[in-house]
């Protein structure tokens, strides 16, 4: 019985050590700038044709495993080109990425983004927990 407990404890310790190594190795990526897969990008553009919706100032606490987690801001721009400061709004957000799948560039990219807003600071008309955003593969190889 003691050997079984010791074996289980060793296996658990090895598994715990392997998870950060897997995350550091970039087992999964995300399309940050629309054109290529990236590891821990500071910005993820949700709208590639018009930079009106992006996740910025991302600080990652986990990346590369079955899910990735970051805090940052949702940046909404209500102008088609150069914005004046009053046309840009930013809202604090917690981001969780999941559902990594193979893209044509050969990388497994996270394909779902779950956002959670602070109840006191979120876009007008938005729920604290909006539906997941579907992310895409890079636009170029």
N, C-alpha and C. Protein backbone atom coordinates (compact mmCIF):
# COMPACT_ATOMS: atom_id res chain seq x y z
N UNK A 1 0.83 -1.20 0.00
CA UNK A 1 0.00 0.00 0.00
C UNK A 1 0.87 1.26 0.00
N UNK A 2 1.94 1.22 0.83
CA UNK A 2 2.83 2.38 0.89
C UNK A 2 3.50 2.63 -0.45
N UNK A 3 3.88 1.56 -1.16
CA UNK A 3 4.50 1.70 -2.48
C UNK A 3 3.53 2.33 -3.47
N UNK A 4 2.25 1.96 -3.38
CA UNK A 4 1.24 2.52 -4.28
C UNK A 4 1.08 4.03 -4.03
N UNK A 5 1.06 4.42 -2.76
CA UNK A 5 0.93 5.84 -2.42
C UNK A 5 2.14 6.61 -2.91
N UNK A 6 3.34 6.04 -2.73
CA UNK A 6 4.56 6.68 -3.18
C UNK A 6 4.59 6.80 -4.70
N UNK A 7 4.16 5.74 -5.40
CA UNK A 7 4.11 5.77 -6.86
C UNK A 7 3.13 6.83 -7.34
N UNK A 8 1.96 6.90 -6.72
CA UNK A 8 0.96 7.89 -7.08
C UNK A 8 1.49 9.30 -6.84
N UNK A 9 2.17 9.51 -5.72
CA UNK A 9 2.72 10.83 -5.41
C UNK A 9 3.78 11.22 -6.43
N UNK A 10 4.64 10.28 -6.82
CA UNK A 10 5.68 10.57 -7.82
C UNK A 10 5.04 10.90 -9.17
N UNK A 11 4.04 10.12 -9.58
CA UNK A 11 3.37 10.37 -10.85
C UNK A 11 2.71 11.75 -10.85
N UNK A 12 2.06 12.10 -9.74
CA UNK A 12 1.41 13.41 -9.63
C UNK A 12 2.44 14.53 -9.74
N UNK A 13 3.58 14.37 -9.08
CA UNK A 13 4.62 15.39 -9.13
C UNK A 13 5.18 15.54 -10.55
N UNK A 14 5.40 14.42 -11.23
CA UNK A 14 5.90 14.47 -12.61
C UNK A 14 4.89 15.13 -13.53
N UNK A 15 3.61 14.80 -13.36
CA UNK A 15 2.57 15.40 -14.19
C UNK A 15 2.49 16.90 -13.95
N UNK A 16 2.60 17.32 -12.70
CA UNK A 16 2.56 18.74 -12.38
C UNK A 16 3.74 19.48 -12.99
N UNK A 17 4.89 18.84 -13.02
CA UNK A 17 6.08 19.46 -13.62
C UNK A 17 5.96 19.52 -15.14
N UNK A 18 5.28 18.56 -15.73
CA UNK A 18 5.17 18.50 -17.19
C UNK A 18 4.23 19.57 -17.74
N UNK A 19 3.21 19.95 -16.99
CA UNK A 19 2.25 20.93 -17.49
C UNK A 19 2.89 22.27 -17.80
N UNK A 20 3.70 22.87 -16.89
CA UNK A 20 4.36 24.12 -17.26
C UNK A 20 5.33 23.94 -18.43
N UNK A 21 6.00 22.81 -18.49
CA UNK A 21 6.92 22.57 -19.61
C UNK A 21 6.16 22.53 -20.93
N UNK A 22 5.00 21.90 -20.92
CA UNK A 22 4.17 21.85 -22.12
C UNK A 22 3.72 23.25 -22.50
N UNK A 23 3.29 24.02 -21.51
CA UNK A 23 2.84 25.38 -21.79
C UNK A 23 3.98 26.24 -22.32
N UNK A 24 5.16 26.09 -21.75
CA UNK A 24 6.29 26.88 -22.22
C UNK A 24 6.68 26.51 -23.64
N UNK A 25 6.46 25.26 -24.01
CA UNK A 25 6.83 24.80 -25.33
C UNK A 25 5.86 25.23 -26.41
N UNK A 26 4.74 25.83 -26.04
CA UNK A 26 3.81 26.34 -27.04
C UNK A 26 3.05 25.25 -27.76
N UNK A 27 2.47 24.32 -27.02
CA UNK A 27 1.70 23.25 -27.64
C UNK A 27 0.53 23.81 -28.44
N UNK A 28 0.04 24.95 -28.03
CA UNK A 28 -1.05 25.61 -28.76
C UNK A 28 -0.66 27.08 -28.96
N UNK A 29 -1.28 27.67 -29.96
CA UNK A 29 -1.04 29.07 -30.29
C UNK A 29 -2.37 29.76 -30.51
N UNK A 30 -2.31 31.03 -30.84
CA UNK A 30 -3.51 31.78 -31.19
C UNK A 30 -3.13 32.78 -32.26
N UNK A 31 -4.06 33.08 -33.15
CA UNK A 31 -3.80 34.07 -34.18
C UNK A 31 -3.95 35.45 -33.53
N UNK A 32 -2.83 36.15 -33.37
CA UNK A 32 -2.86 37.46 -32.72
C UNK A 32 -3.03 38.59 -33.70
N UNK A 33 -2.31 38.52 -34.82
CA UNK A 33 -2.30 39.65 -35.75
C UNK A 33 -2.98 39.33 -37.08
N UNK A 34 -3.79 38.31 -37.14
CA UNK A 34 -4.56 37.89 -38.31
C UNK A 34 -3.74 37.08 -39.31
N UNK A 35 -2.42 37.28 -39.37
CA UNK A 35 -1.61 36.62 -40.40
C UNK A 35 -0.82 35.40 -39.94
N UNK A 36 -0.56 35.28 -38.64
CA UNK A 36 0.21 34.12 -38.20
C UNK A 36 -0.12 33.73 -36.77
N UNK A 37 0.13 32.46 -36.48
CA UNK A 37 -0.07 31.94 -35.13
C UNK A 37 1.04 32.46 -34.22
N UNK A 38 0.67 32.76 -32.99
CA UNK A 38 1.64 33.30 -32.03
C UNK A 38 1.47 32.64 -30.67
N UNK A 39 2.53 32.72 -29.88
CA UNK A 39 2.51 32.26 -28.50
C UNK A 39 2.46 33.50 -27.62
N UNK A 40 1.50 33.55 -26.73
CA UNK A 40 1.34 34.65 -25.76
C UNK A 40 1.37 36.05 -26.40
N UNK A 41 0.55 36.31 -27.42
CA UNK A 41 0.58 37.65 -28.02
C UNK A 41 0.04 38.70 -27.04
N UNK A 42 0.56 39.92 -27.16
CA UNK A 42 0.08 41.03 -26.33
C UNK A 42 -1.26 41.55 -26.84
N UNK A 43 -1.55 41.30 -28.14
CA UNK A 43 -2.78 41.77 -28.76
C UNK A 43 -3.37 40.66 -29.62
N UNK A 44 -4.68 40.51 -29.58
CA UNK A 44 -5.40 39.61 -30.48
C UNK A 44 -6.45 40.45 -31.19
N UNK A 45 -6.34 40.52 -32.52
CA UNK A 45 -7.34 41.27 -33.31
C UNK A 45 -8.51 40.34 -33.57
N UNK A 46 -9.69 40.75 -33.16
CA UNK A 46 -10.90 39.97 -33.39
C UNK A 46 -11.49 40.34 -34.75
N UNK A 47 -11.37 41.59 -35.12
CA UNK A 47 -11.85 42.09 -36.41
C UNK A 47 -10.63 42.46 -37.24
N UNK A 48 -10.32 41.68 -38.28
CA UNK A 48 -9.10 41.91 -39.06
C UNK A 48 -9.26 42.94 -40.17
N UNK A 49 -10.44 43.12 -40.71
CA UNK A 49 -10.64 44.08 -41.80
C UNK A 49 -10.73 45.50 -41.29
N UNK A 50 -11.12 45.68 -40.07
CA UNK A 50 -11.29 46.99 -39.48
C UNK A 50 -10.87 46.85 -38.02
N UNK A 51 -9.81 47.51 -37.60
CA UNK A 51 -9.34 47.31 -36.22
C UNK A 51 -10.26 47.95 -35.18
N UNK A 52 -11.52 47.59 -35.21
CA UNK A 52 -12.46 48.18 -34.27
C UNK A 52 -12.67 47.32 -33.03
N UNK A 53 -12.17 46.10 -33.03
CA UNK A 53 -12.39 45.20 -31.91
C UNK A 53 -11.14 44.36 -31.70
N UNK A 54 -10.48 44.58 -30.57
CA UNK A 54 -9.27 43.82 -30.27
C UNK A 54 -9.17 43.59 -28.77
N UNK A 55 -8.36 42.61 -28.41
CA UNK A 55 -8.00 42.33 -27.02
C UNK A 55 -6.56 42.78 -26.89
N UNK A 56 -6.29 43.70 -25.95
CA UNK A 56 -4.95 44.28 -25.86
C UNK A 56 -4.42 44.24 -24.45
N UNK A 57 -3.13 44.55 -24.35
CA UNK A 57 -2.41 44.56 -23.06
C UNK A 57 -2.60 43.23 -22.34
N UNK A 58 -2.56 42.14 -23.11
CA UNK A 58 -2.79 40.81 -22.53
C UNK A 58 -1.60 40.38 -21.68
N UNK A 59 -1.91 39.94 -20.46
CA UNK A 59 -0.92 39.39 -19.54
C UNK A 59 -1.34 37.95 -19.26
N UNK A 60 -0.54 37.01 -19.72
CA UNK A 60 -0.88 35.59 -19.69
C UNK A 60 -0.45 34.95 -18.38
N UNK A 61 -1.36 34.23 -17.75
CA UNK A 61 -1.02 33.43 -16.56
C UNK A 61 -0.90 31.96 -16.93
N UNK A 62 -1.43 31.56 -18.07
CA UNK A 62 -1.32 30.18 -18.56
C UNK A 62 -1.43 30.22 -20.08
N UNK A 63 -0.66 29.35 -20.75
CA UNK A 63 -0.71 29.29 -22.20
C UNK A 63 -0.09 27.98 -22.66
N UNK A 64 -0.67 27.36 -23.67
CA UNK A 64 -0.08 26.19 -24.30
C UNK A 64 -0.74 24.87 -23.97
N UNK A 65 -1.49 24.80 -22.90
CA UNK A 65 -2.17 23.58 -22.51
C UNK A 65 -3.57 23.53 -23.09
N UNK A 66 -4.45 22.78 -22.46
CA UNK A 66 -5.84 22.69 -22.95
C UNK A 66 -6.56 24.04 -22.96
N UNK A 67 -6.10 24.96 -22.11
CA UNK A 67 -6.67 26.30 -22.10
C UNK A 67 -5.56 27.31 -21.83
N UNK A 68 -5.84 28.55 -22.16
CA UNK A 68 -4.93 29.66 -21.89
C UNK A 68 -5.73 30.73 -21.18
N UNK A 69 -5.07 31.48 -20.29
CA UNK A 69 -5.79 32.49 -19.51
C UNK A 69 -4.97 33.77 -19.46
N UNK A 70 -5.66 34.90 -19.65
CA UNK A 70 -5.00 36.21 -19.60
C UNK A 70 -5.97 37.26 -19.06
N UNK A 71 -5.39 38.35 -18.60
CA UNK A 71 -6.17 39.55 -18.30
C UNK A 71 -5.71 40.63 -19.26
N UNK A 72 -6.56 41.57 -19.53
CA UNK A 72 -6.23 42.66 -20.44
C UNK A 72 -7.42 43.57 -20.61
N UNK A 73 -7.52 44.17 -21.79
CA UNK A 73 -8.64 45.06 -22.08
C UNK A 73 -9.23 44.74 -23.44
N UNK A 74 -10.54 44.91 -23.54
CA UNK A 74 -11.21 44.91 -24.84
C UNK A 74 -11.14 46.35 -25.32
N UNK A 75 -10.64 46.53 -26.54
CA UNK A 75 -10.54 47.87 -27.12
C UNK A 75 -11.54 47.97 -28.26
N UNK A 76 -12.45 48.92 -28.15
CA UNK A 76 -13.46 49.16 -29.17
C UNK A 76 -13.23 50.54 -29.76
N UNK A 77 -13.10 50.60 -31.08
CA UNK A 77 -12.91 51.86 -31.79
C UNK A 77 -14.13 52.13 -32.64
N UNK A 78 -14.68 53.33 -32.53
CA UNK A 78 -15.86 53.66 -33.32
C UNK A 78 -15.51 54.57 -34.49
N UNK A 79 -14.33 54.34 -35.06
CA UNK A 79 -13.89 55.14 -36.20
C UNK A 79 -13.20 54.23 -37.21
N UNK A 80 -13.35 54.50 -38.50
CA UNK A 80 -12.79 53.61 -39.52
C UNK A 80 -11.28 53.73 -39.72
N UNK A 81 -10.67 54.86 -39.41
CA UNK A 81 -9.23 55.01 -39.60
C UNK A 81 -8.62 55.58 -38.32
N UNK A 82 -7.88 56.66 -38.42
CA UNK A 82 -7.25 57.26 -37.24
C UNK A 82 -8.31 57.75 -36.26
N UNK A 83 -8.19 57.31 -35.03
CA UNK A 83 -9.19 57.64 -34.01
C UNK A 83 -8.74 58.78 -33.12
N UNK A 84 -9.69 59.58 -32.72
CA UNK A 84 -9.44 60.56 -31.67
C UNK A 84 -9.70 59.83 -30.35
N UNK A 85 -9.05 60.24 -29.27
CA UNK A 85 -9.19 59.51 -28.01
C UNK A 85 -10.62 59.26 -27.56
N UNK A 86 -11.53 60.19 -27.82
CA UNK A 86 -12.91 60.00 -27.35
C UNK A 86 -13.65 58.91 -28.13
N UNK A 87 -13.11 58.48 -29.28
CA UNK A 87 -13.75 57.44 -30.08
C UNK A 87 -13.27 56.04 -29.72
N UNK A 88 -12.36 55.94 -28.75
CA UNK A 88 -11.80 54.65 -28.33
C UNK A 88 -12.25 54.36 -26.90
N UNK A 89 -12.76 53.17 -26.70
CA UNK A 89 -13.18 52.73 -25.36
C UNK A 89 -12.45 51.44 -25.02
N UNK A 90 -12.01 51.32 -23.77
CA UNK A 90 -11.36 50.10 -23.30
C UNK A 90 -12.04 49.62 -22.04
N UNK A 91 -12.19 48.29 -21.94
CA UNK A 91 -12.88 47.67 -20.82
C UNK A 91 -12.03 46.51 -20.30
N UNK A 92 -11.78 46.45 -18.97
CA UNK A 92 -11.02 45.33 -18.42
C UNK A 92 -11.73 44.01 -18.69
N UNK A 93 -10.93 42.97 -18.95
CA UNK A 93 -11.51 41.68 -19.30
C UNK A 93 -10.60 40.55 -18.82
N UNK A 94 -11.22 39.42 -18.53
CA UNK A 94 -10.50 38.16 -18.30
C UNK A 94 -10.79 37.31 -19.53
N UNK A 95 -9.75 36.74 -20.11
CA UNK A 95 -9.84 35.96 -21.34
C UNK A 95 -9.43 34.53 -21.07
N UNK A 96 -10.23 33.58 -21.54
CA UNK A 96 -9.87 32.17 -21.49
C UNK A 96 -10.01 31.61 -22.90
N UNK A 97 -8.93 31.04 -23.43
CA UNK A 97 -8.92 30.42 -24.75
C UNK A 97 -8.98 28.90 -24.60
N UNK A 98 -9.76 28.25 -25.48
CA UNK A 98 -9.88 26.79 -25.46
C UNK A 98 -10.04 26.27 -26.89
N UNK A 99 -10.23 24.98 -27.01
CA UNK A 99 -10.54 24.30 -28.26
C UNK A 99 -9.45 24.47 -29.32
N UNK A 100 -8.20 24.12 -28.95
CA UNK A 100 -7.10 24.19 -29.92
C UNK A 100 -7.28 23.11 -30.98
N UNK A 101 -7.21 23.54 -32.24
CA UNK A 101 -7.33 22.62 -33.38
C UNK A 101 -6.30 22.99 -34.44
N UNK A 102 -5.94 22.00 -35.26
CA UNK A 102 -4.93 22.18 -36.30
C UNK A 102 -5.39 23.15 -37.37
N UNK A 103 -4.51 24.08 -37.73
CA UNK A 103 -4.75 25.03 -38.81
C UNK A 103 -3.88 24.64 -40.01
N UNK A 104 -4.17 25.19 -41.19
CA UNK A 104 -3.36 24.87 -42.38
C UNK A 104 -1.87 25.16 -42.24
N UNK A 105 -1.49 26.09 -41.32
CA UNK A 105 -0.06 26.39 -41.14
C UNK A 105 0.65 25.33 -40.29
N UNK A 106 -0.10 24.30 -39.85
CA UNK A 106 0.49 23.22 -39.08
C UNK A 106 0.48 23.41 -37.58
N UNK A 107 0.00 24.55 -37.09
CA UNK A 107 -0.06 24.81 -35.66
C UNK A 107 -1.46 24.53 -35.13
N UNK A 108 -1.52 24.12 -33.87
CA UNK A 108 -2.80 23.99 -33.19
C UNK A 108 -3.12 25.35 -32.58
N UNK A 109 -4.16 25.99 -33.09
CA UNK A 109 -4.56 27.31 -32.59
C UNK A 109 -5.82 27.21 -31.76
N UNK A 110 -5.84 27.97 -30.65
CA UNK A 110 -7.07 28.06 -29.87
C UNK A 110 -8.15 28.66 -30.76
N UNK A 111 -9.35 28.09 -30.68
CA UNK A 111 -10.42 28.53 -31.58
C UNK A 111 -11.62 29.15 -30.86
N UNK A 112 -11.67 29.07 -29.53
CA UNK A 112 -12.76 29.71 -28.78
C UNK A 112 -12.17 30.65 -27.74
N UNK A 113 -12.77 31.83 -27.62
CA UNK A 113 -12.35 32.82 -26.64
C UNK A 113 -13.55 33.16 -25.76
N UNK A 114 -13.41 32.91 -24.48
CA UNK A 114 -14.43 33.28 -23.50
C UNK A 114 -13.98 34.54 -22.78
N UNK A 115 -14.81 35.56 -22.80
CA UNK A 115 -14.52 36.83 -22.14
C UNK A 115 -15.41 36.98 -20.92
N UNK A 116 -14.87 37.57 -19.87
CA UNK A 116 -15.65 37.92 -18.70
C UNK A 116 -15.32 39.36 -18.34
N UNK A 117 -16.36 40.19 -18.31
CA UNK A 117 -16.18 41.59 -17.94
C UNK A 117 -16.47 41.77 -16.47
N UNK A 118 -15.83 42.76 -15.87
CA UNK A 118 -16.19 43.21 -14.55
C UNK A 118 -17.60 43.81 -14.68
N UNK A 119 -18.46 43.55 -13.74
CA UNK A 119 -19.85 44.03 -13.86
C UNK A 119 -19.94 45.55 -13.85
N UNK A 120 -18.94 46.24 -13.30
CA UNK A 120 -19.01 47.70 -13.26
C UNK A 120 -18.37 48.36 -14.47
N UNK A 121 -17.64 47.60 -15.28
CA UNK A 121 -16.95 48.19 -16.43
C UNK A 121 -17.05 47.26 -17.63
N UNK A 122 -18.09 47.44 -18.41
CA UNK A 122 -18.26 46.63 -19.62
C UNK A 122 -18.95 47.46 -20.68
N UNK A 123 -18.80 47.04 -21.95
CA UNK A 123 -19.46 47.82 -23.01
C UNK A 123 -20.96 47.94 -22.79
N UNK A 124 -21.54 49.07 -23.10
CA UNK A 124 -22.99 49.24 -22.93
C UNK A 124 -23.75 48.13 -23.64
N UNK A 125 -24.70 47.56 -22.94
CA UNK A 125 -25.53 46.51 -23.51
C UNK A 125 -24.90 45.12 -23.49
N UNK A 126 -23.67 45.00 -22.98
CA UNK A 126 -22.99 43.70 -22.94
C UNK A 126 -23.26 42.99 -21.63
N UNK A 127 -23.37 41.68 -21.71
CA UNK A 127 -23.50 40.86 -20.51
C UNK A 127 -22.13 40.73 -19.85
N UNK A 128 -22.12 40.45 -18.55
CA UNK A 128 -20.85 40.23 -17.86
C UNK A 128 -20.12 39.04 -18.46
N UNK A 129 -20.85 38.07 -18.98
CA UNK A 129 -20.28 36.88 -19.61
C UNK A 129 -20.94 36.70 -20.97
N UNK A 130 -20.39 37.35 -22.02
CA UNK A 130 -20.98 37.20 -23.36
C UNK A 130 -20.72 35.80 -23.93
N UNK A 131 -21.39 35.43 -25.01
CA UNK A 131 -21.15 34.13 -25.64
C UNK A 131 -19.70 34.04 -26.13
N UNK A 132 -19.15 32.83 -26.24
CA UNK A 132 -17.76 32.68 -26.71
C UNK A 132 -17.58 33.25 -28.12
N UNK A 133 -16.41 33.79 -28.36
CA UNK A 133 -16.03 34.27 -29.68
C UNK A 133 -15.35 33.12 -30.43
N UNK A 134 -15.69 32.93 -31.68
CA UNK A 134 -15.04 31.91 -32.50
C UNK A 134 -13.83 32.56 -33.17
N UNK A 135 -12.66 31.99 -32.91
CA UNK A 135 -11.42 32.49 -33.50
C UNK A 135 -11.12 31.69 -34.77
N UNK A 136 -10.18 32.17 -35.56
CA UNK A 136 -9.92 31.60 -36.87
C UNK A 136 -8.46 31.21 -37.01
N UNK A 137 -8.14 30.53 -38.08
CA UNK A 137 -6.77 30.20 -38.43
C UNK A 137 -6.15 31.42 -39.10
N UNK A 138 -4.80 31.45 -39.22
CA UNK A 138 -4.15 32.59 -39.88
C UNK A 138 -4.69 32.79 -41.29
N UNK A 139 -4.72 34.04 -41.73
CA UNK A 139 -5.21 34.36 -43.07
C UNK A 139 -4.18 34.01 -44.14
N UNK A 140 -2.91 33.93 -43.75
CA UNK A 140 -1.86 33.54 -44.70
C UNK A 140 -1.03 32.41 -44.07
N UNK A 141 -0.30 31.68 -44.89
CA UNK A 141 0.56 30.60 -44.35
C UNK A 141 1.93 31.09 -44.02
